[in-house]
Amino acid sequence: MANMALATWPAAIARGIAAAGSDARPPRDFGRRAAHCVRVSSRGLGWHALEFERHDYQPATCTLAHGSRQHLVLISLSTGRMVRESDGERAEHQLRPGCVAVVPAAMPISWIWPTRVSFCILRLKPEFVDAIARSAFGLRPGDYRLTLAERAHDTAIANIAGVLAREAMRAEPGGRLYAESLASMLAVHLLRRYALVSDGGAIDRRSAPHDVAAADPHDAEDAAALHPRAVSDALAFIHANYAREVTLADMAQAVHLSPFHLTRVFKQCLGVSPHQYLIQVRVNSARWLLSAGSGERSLSEVATAVGFADQSHFTRHFKRATGTTPGQFRA
């Protein structure tokens, strides 16, 4: 496979899809047959809506002729090359750390990597996204669709993946609740940034019902299991603004709550205060930068890039969260 010429890739992919085209098997899970490539996994931790894994591959090919059972989000951790074919469309990419691909469930797709690659994969249950779409945006499953997308970066997805990686590795108490919280956030983000409604337009956040139970009594049970919309909005605000100076008052104003009320509902949902979560996002963003290679940036510049006041402040929080200093982590 490593010696396969670039010109032969599309034909190889087409043969792989055609060979399985008459196969009546349902969509399957990406990576389930590649256990030897899995370096970190959330399996066995009781996570339901969302699964996390890190994969390291030698040059390889992967064909999902009937798609995946779950929505897939892949985040590249390395440089490399990749060719992808789906629905008659072919795309070649030079991978860089932070590249993101969103693949809707049940979409036939195939990839070939002629180089070694490493990436995180997030598997999100479609029925969970449907519940979020219904409760947060007033949309039924037939009213919207996720789209296949490949982007050079997506800060919100990268941060969610970083937190999930930590939770999967540490397996600490409360991890399942934490993962479900992040699943809600990821679903909202995908619906806002990677979904189209039935007329082909983007989902309009302003049209979302503020009182789910009032909008549709059949949604009340689903809504009861989800986080308050204010918390989802606060999470989105934090991820969009963590790199600048952000106060609790800023967060509260953004979601139209008092600082006291926001802190109370935030801690009820996530078990941490808004400020503690902001620090976690900054630390995980710094970990991502340091893992991906921060080039010629000094640690002081990394600290500024992720929103810490100075290198000392950065080092203190980074060591508290990871058990090592930024310098040791980068080395």
Protein backbone atom coordinates (compact mmCIF):
# COMPACT_ATOMS: atom_id res chain seq x y z
CA MET A 1 0.00 0.00 0.00
CA ALA A 2 2.80 2.41 0.75
CA ASN A 3 4.02 2.10 -2.84
CA MET A 4 0.61 2.66 -4.45
CA ALA A 5 0.92 5.41 -7.07
CA LEU A 6 -1.18 8.51 -6.54
CA ALA A 7 -2.87 8.07 -9.93
CA THR A 8 -4.22 4.66 -8.92
CA TRP A 9 -5.89 5.79 -5.69
CA PRO A 10 -9.32 6.78 -7.11
CA ALA A 11 -9.61 3.48 -9.01
CA ALA A 12 -8.62 1.54 -5.90
CA ILE A 13 -11.24 3.35 -3.85
CA ALA A 14 -13.91 2.86 -6.50
CA ARG A 15 -13.14 -0.88 -6.61
CA GLY A 16 -13.44 -1.09 -2.84
CA ILE A 17 -16.85 0.60 -2.84
CA ALA A 18 -18.07 -1.37 -5.86
CA ALA A 19 -16.97 -4.66 -4.31
CA ALA A 20 -19.14 -3.97 -1.30
CA GLY A 21 -21.92 -2.24 -3.20
CA SER A 22 -24.03 -5.39 -3.45
CA ASP A 23 -23.42 -6.20 0.20
CA ALA A 24 -26.64 -5.79 2.19
CA ARG A 25 -24.84 -5.37 5.48
CA PRO A 26 -25.85 -2.28 7.49
CA PRO A 27 -23.49 0.61 8.32
CA ARG A 28 -20.68 -0.41 10.65
CA ASP A 29 -18.37 1.29 13.14
CA PHE A 30 -15.25 2.94 11.81
CA GLY A 31 -12.08 1.39 13.24
CA ARG A 32 -13.76 -1.54 15.03
CA ARG A 33 -11.62 -4.02 13.10
CA ALA A 34 -8.41 -2.10 13.66
CA ALA A 35 -7.95 -2.62 17.40
CA HIS A 36 -4.18 -2.79 16.96
CA CYS A 37 -4.24 0.85 15.78
CA VAL A 38 -6.12 2.18 18.82
CA ARG A 39 -3.92 3.98 21.34
CA VAL A 40 -6.58 5.54 23.61
CA SER A 41 -10.25 4.57 23.86
CA SER A 42 -13.31 5.39 25.93
CA ARG A 43 -14.64 1.83 25.57
CA GLY A 44 -15.57 0.30 28.87
CA LEU A 45 -16.07 3.69 30.56
CA GLY A 46 -19.86 3.73 30.19
CA TRP A 47 -20.05 6.64 27.75
CA HIS A 48 -23.25 6.44 25.74
CA ALA A 49 -23.89 9.32 23.34
CA LEU A 50 -20.26 9.90 22.41
CA GLU A 51 -17.17 7.71 22.06
CA PHE A 52 -13.55 8.80 21.80
CA GLU A 53 -10.52 7.03 20.35
CA ARG A 54 -7.05 7.88 19.17
CA HIS A 55 -5.76 5.89 16.20
CA ASP A 56 -2.26 5.54 14.75
CA TYR A 57 -2.14 4.02 11.26
CA GLN A 58 0.55 2.80 8.94
CA PRO A 59 -0.25 3.37 5.23
CA ALA A 60 -3.70 1.84 4.87
CA THR A 61 -7.13 1.97 3.27
CA CYS A 62 -10.57 2.05 4.86
CA THR A 63 -13.89 1.61 3.05
CA LEU A 64 -17.30 2.06 4.66
CA ALA A 65 -19.45 1.04 1.71
CA HIS A 66 -22.63 1.59 3.70
CA GLY A 67 -21.30 4.32 5.95
CA SER A 68 -20.91 4.40 9.71
CA ARG A 69 -23.61 3.79 12.29
CA GLN A 70 -22.59 7.02 14.02
CA HIS A 71 -21.71 10.50 12.93
CA LEU A 72 -17.91 10.69 12.75
CA VAL A 73 -15.61 13.58 13.58
CA LEU A 74 -11.93 13.01 12.82
CA ILE A 75 -9.16 15.36 13.99
CA SER A 76 -5.69 14.94 12.54
CA LEU A 77 -2.79 14.80 14.99
CA SER A 78 -0.03 14.51 12.41
CA THR A 79 1.15 15.55 9.01
CA GLY A 80 0.56 13.23 6.09
CA ARG A 81 -1.45 12.67 2.94
CA MET A 82 -4.96 11.36 2.44
CA VAL A 83 -7.37 10.81 -0.44
CA ARG A 84 -11.08 10.50 0.20
CA GLU A 85 -13.95 9.51 -2.07
CA SER A 86 -17.63 9.73 -1.30
CA ASP A 87 -20.76 10.08 -3.44
CA GLY A 88 -18.65 10.31 -6.57
CA GLU A 89 -16.55 13.15 -5.18
CA ARG A 90 -12.80 12.76 -4.74
CA ALA A 91 -10.59 14.96 -2.58
CA GLU A 92 -6.87 14.84 -1.80
CA HIS A 93 -5.51 16.51 1.31
CA GLN A 94 -2.17 17.33 2.86
CA LEU A 95 -2.93 16.69 6.50
CA ARG A 96 -1.75 18.97 9.28
CA PRO A 97 -2.41 18.75 13.02
CA GLY A 98 -5.86 20.12 13.69
CA CYS A 99 -7.44 19.23 10.32
CA VAL A 100 -11.06 18.20 10.88
CA ALA A 101 -13.42 15.96 8.91
CA VAL A 102 -17.13 15.57 9.70
CA VAL A 103 -18.78 12.50 8.16
CA PRO A 104 -22.55 12.01 8.59
CA ALA A 105 -23.80 8.57 9.58
CA ALA A 106 -24.71 6.13 6.78
CA MET A 107 -22.69 8.03 4.16
CA PRO A 108 -20.66 5.64 1.97
CA ILE A 109 -17.03 6.75 2.09
CA SER A 110 -13.52 5.48 1.54
CA TRP A 111 -10.06 6.72 2.48
CA ILE A 112 -6.49 5.84 1.56
CA TRP A 113 -3.50 7.02 3.57
CA PRO A 114 -0.18 6.47 1.73
CA THR A 115 1.68 7.81 4.78
CA ARG A 116 1.56 7.17 8.50
CA VAL A 117 -1.22 9.17 10.15
CA SER A 118 -2.51 9.77 13.67
CA PHE A 119 -5.91 11.16 14.50
CA CYS A 120 -8.64 11.34 17.10
CA ILE A 121 -12.06 10.02 16.21
CA LEU A 122 -15.31 11.06 17.90
CA ARG A 123 -18.38 8.87 17.30
CA LEU A 124 -21.69 10.62 18.04
CA LYS A 125 -25.00 8.76 18.04
CA PRO A 126 -27.45 10.13 15.43
CA GLU A 127 -30.43 9.73 17.76
CA PHE A 128 -28.67 11.91 20.33
CA VAL A 129 -28.08 14.64 17.73
CA ASP A 130 -31.73 14.32 16.70
CA ALA A 131 -32.78 14.93 20.30
CA ILE A 132 -30.55 18.02 20.50
CA ALA A 133 -31.87 19.30 17.16
CA ARG A 134 -35.43 18.88 18.38
CA SER A 135 -34.95 20.45 21.80
CA ALA A 136 -32.54 23.27 20.95
CA PHE A 137 -33.63 24.15 17.41
CA GLY A 138 -37.17 22.79 17.05
CA LEU A 139 -36.10 20.47 14.20
CA ARG A 140 -37.31 16.96 13.44
CA PRO A 141 -34.90 14.41 11.90
CA GLY A 142 -36.27 15.07 8.41
CA ASP A 143 -35.88 18.82 8.80
CA TYR A 144 -32.09 18.89 8.66
CA ARG A 145 -29.01 16.93 7.63
CA LEU A 146 -25.37 16.99 8.59
CA THR A 147 -23.01 17.54 5.68
CA LEU A 148 -19.68 16.00 4.78
CA ALA A 149 -17.05 18.64 5.55
CA GLU A 150 -13.24 18.86 5.72
CA ARG A 151 -11.63 21.92 7.29
CA ALA A 152 -8.11 23.02 8.12
CA HIS A 153 -9.09 23.64 11.73
CA ASP A 154 -12.01 23.95 14.12
CA THR A 155 -11.06 25.27 17.53
CA ALA A 156 -14.23 24.13 19.29
CA ILE A 157 -13.89 20.53 18.05
CA ALA A 158 -10.17 20.47 18.87
CA ASN A 159 -10.87 21.58 22.44
CA ILE A 160 -13.64 19.02 22.90
CA ALA A 161 -11.34 16.29 21.61
CA GLY A 162 -8.59 17.40 23.99
CA VAL A 163 -10.88 17.20 27.01
CA LEU A 164 -12.25 13.82 25.91
CA ALA A 165 -8.73 12.47 25.49
CA ARG A 166 -7.89 13.44 29.04
CA GLU A 167 -11.09 11.92 30.39
CA ALA A 168 -10.51 8.68 28.47
CA MET A 169 -6.93 8.38 29.71
CA ARG A 170 -7.64 9.20 33.35
CA ALA A 171 -11.00 7.40 33.73
CA GLU A 172 -11.80 9.56 36.75
CA PRO A 173 -15.11 9.57 38.66
CA GLY A 174 -17.70 11.70 36.89
CA GLY A 175 -16.15 11.05 33.48
CA ARG A 176 -19.37 9.71 31.99
CA LEU A 177 -21.30 12.83 32.98
CA TYR A 178 -18.50 14.99 31.67
CA ALA A 179 -18.52 13.12 28.34
CA GLU A 180 -22.30 13.49 28.04
CA SER A 181 -21.91 17.23 28.64
CA LEU A 182 -19.36 17.47 25.87
CA ALA A 183 -21.59 15.37 23.61
CA SER A 184 -24.31 18.00 23.99
CA MET A 185 -21.88 20.75 23.16
CA LEU A 186 -20.48 18.88 20.16
CA ALA A 187 -23.97 18.20 18.83
CA VAL A 188 -24.93 21.89 19.09
CA HIS A 189 -21.71 22.89 17.36
CA LEU A 190 -22.23 20.42 14.51
CA LEU A 191 -25.80 21.57 14.04
CA ARG A 192 -24.76 25.21 13.95
CA ARG A 193 -21.71 24.83 11.73
CA TYR A 194 -22.12 21.62 9.70
CA ALA A 195 -25.86 21.15 9.13
CA LEU A 196 -28.36 22.33 6.53
CA VAL A 197 -32.13 22.53 6.87
CA SER A 198 -34.44 20.99 4.27
CA ASP A 199 -34.40 24.10 2.05
CA GLY A 200 -30.58 24.00 1.87
CA GLY A 201 -29.94 26.89 4.26
CA ALA A 202 -27.97 26.90 7.50
CA ILE A 203 -29.74 26.41 10.81
CA ASP A 204 -30.79 29.75 12.25
CA ARG A 205 -30.05 29.77 15.98
CA ARG A 206 -32.44 32.67 16.57
CA SER A 207 -35.41 30.53 15.55
CA ALA A 208 -34.81 27.98 18.31
CA PRO A 209 -37.59 27.66 20.89
CA HIS A 210 -36.73 29.04 24.32
CA ASP A 211 -39.16 26.75 26.13
CA VAL A 212 -38.89 23.27 24.69
CA ALA A 213 -41.78 21.80 26.63
CA ALA A 214 -44.04 24.65 25.54
CA ALA A 215 -42.96 24.32 21.92
CA ASP A 216 -43.80 20.61 21.78
CA PRO A 217 -45.02 18.58 24.76
CA HIS A 218 -43.59 15.38 23.23
CA ASP A 219 -40.11 16.85 23.61
CA ALA A 220 -40.36 17.49 27.35
CA GLU A 221 -38.89 14.11 28.35
CA ASP A 222 -35.93 14.53 25.98
CA ALA A 223 -35.38 18.08 27.15
CA ALA A 224 -35.32 17.01 30.78
CA ALA A 225 -32.29 14.83 30.05
CA LEU A 226 -30.38 17.65 28.36
CA HIS A 227 -28.55 20.62 29.77
CA PRO A 228 -30.17 24.02 30.04
CA ARG A 229 -29.75 26.02 26.89
CA ALA A 230 -27.99 28.74 28.87
CA VAL A 231 -25.20 26.30 29.71
CA SER A 232 -24.81 25.28 26.06
CA ASP A 233 -24.66 28.95 25.10
CA ALA A 234 -22.13 29.62 27.86
CA LEU A 235 -19.97 26.73 26.63
CA ALA A 236 -20.11 28.09 23.09
CA PHE A 237 -19.18 31.56 24.35
CA ILE A 238 -16.21 30.21 26.31
CA HIS A 239 -14.87 28.24 23.35
CA ALA A 240 -15.26 31.22 21.05
CA ASN A 241 -13.58 33.68 23.41
CA TYR A 242 -11.19 31.75 25.68
CA ALA A 243 -8.10 33.28 24.06
CA ARG A 244 -8.97 36.77 25.30
CA GLU A 245 -9.69 38.15 28.76
CA VAL A 246 -13.07 36.74 29.78
CA THR A 247 -14.88 37.44 33.03
CA LEU A 248 -17.84 35.73 34.66
CA ALA A 249 -19.83 38.89 34.00
CA ASP A 250 -19.03 38.58 30.28
CA MET A 251 -20.28 35.00 30.23
CA ALA A 252 -23.42 35.83 32.18
CA GLN A 253 -24.24 38.78 29.92
CA ALA A 254 -23.82 36.59 26.83
CA VAL A 255 -26.46 34.10 28.06
CA HIS A 256 -28.76 36.66 29.74
CA LEU A 257 -28.38 35.34 33.29
CA SER A 258 -26.97 36.81 36.45
CA PRO A 259 -23.43 35.66 37.33
CA PHE A 260 -24.80 33.84 40.38
CA HIS A 261 -27.49 32.00 38.40
CA LEU A 262 -25.09 31.05 35.62
CA THR A 263 -22.57 29.66 38.12
CA ARG A 264 -25.26 27.61 39.85
CA VAL A 265 -26.71 25.97 36.72
CA PHE A 266 -23.26 25.52 35.18
CA LYS A 267 -21.99 23.62 38.22
CA GLN A 268 -25.18 21.55 38.35
CA CYS A 269 -24.60 20.41 34.77
CA LEU A 270 -20.82 20.08 34.56
CA GLY A 271 -19.62 19.86 38.15
CA VAL A 272 -17.27 22.83 37.74
CA SER A 273 -17.69 26.58 37.72
CA PRO A 274 -17.57 28.61 34.48
CA HIS A 275 -14.13 29.91 35.46
CA GLN A 276 -12.79 26.41 36.13
CA TYR A 277 -14.10 25.26 32.76
CA LEU A 278 -12.49 28.27 31.07
CA ILE A 279 -9.14 27.28 32.59
CA GLN A 280 -9.62 23.69 31.38
CA VAL A 281 -10.28 24.91 27.84
CA ARG A 282 -7.16 27.08 27.92
CA VAL A 283 -5.01 24.25 29.25
CA ASN A 284 -6.31 21.81 26.67
CA SER A 285 -5.80 24.33 23.90
CA ALA A 286 -2.21 24.77 25.10
CA ARG A 287 -1.75 20.99 25.19
CA TRP A 288 -2.97 20.84 21.62
CA LEU A 289 -0.52 23.54 20.53
CA LEU A 290 2.37 21.88 22.34
CA SER A 291 1.49 18.40 21.04
CA ALA A 292 1.11 19.62 17.48
CA GLY A 293 4.38 21.48 17.60
CA SER A 294 4.30 25.17 18.44
CA GLY A 295 7.19 26.03 16.12
CA GLU A 296 9.30 28.92 17.27
CA ARG A 297 6.74 30.16 19.77
CA SER A 298 8.05 30.67 23.25
CA LEU A 299 6.07 29.39 26.22
CA SER A 300 5.15 32.98 26.96
CA GLU A 301 3.68 33.31 23.48
CA VAL A 302 1.77 30.04 23.88
CA ALA A 303 0.39 31.35 27.18
CA THR A 304 -0.83 34.53 25.50
CA ALA A 305 -2.27 32.63 22.54
CA VAL A 306 -4.60 30.60 24.78
CA GLY A 307 -5.65 33.44 27.06
CA PHE A 308 -3.40 33.22 30.13
CA ALA A 309 -2.20 36.49 31.60
CA ASP A 310 1.47 35.46 31.61
CA GLN A 311 3.78 32.45 31.54
CA SER A 312 3.73 32.03 35.31
CA HIS A 313 -0.07 31.90 35.36
CA PHE A 314 0.02 29.44 32.44
CA THR A 315 2.61 27.18 34.08
CA ARG A 316 0.77 27.06 37.40
CA HIS A 317 -2.55 25.98 35.88
CA PHE A 318 -0.96 23.66 33.32
CA LYS A 319 0.99 21.76 35.98
CA ARG A 320 -2.04 21.55 38.24
CA ALA A 321 -4.10 20.01 35.41
CA THR A 322 -1.49 17.72 33.84
CA GLY A 323 1.08 17.07 36.54
CA THR A 324 3.89 18.44 34.38
CA THR A 325 5.11 21.85 33.30
CA PRO A 326 4.56 23.14 29.73
CA GLY A 327 8.29 22.90 29.06
CA GLN A 328 8.44 19.27 30.18
CA PHE A 329 5.30 18.48 28.18
CA ARG A 330 6.74 19.93 25.00
CA ALA A 331 10.07 18.15 25.49
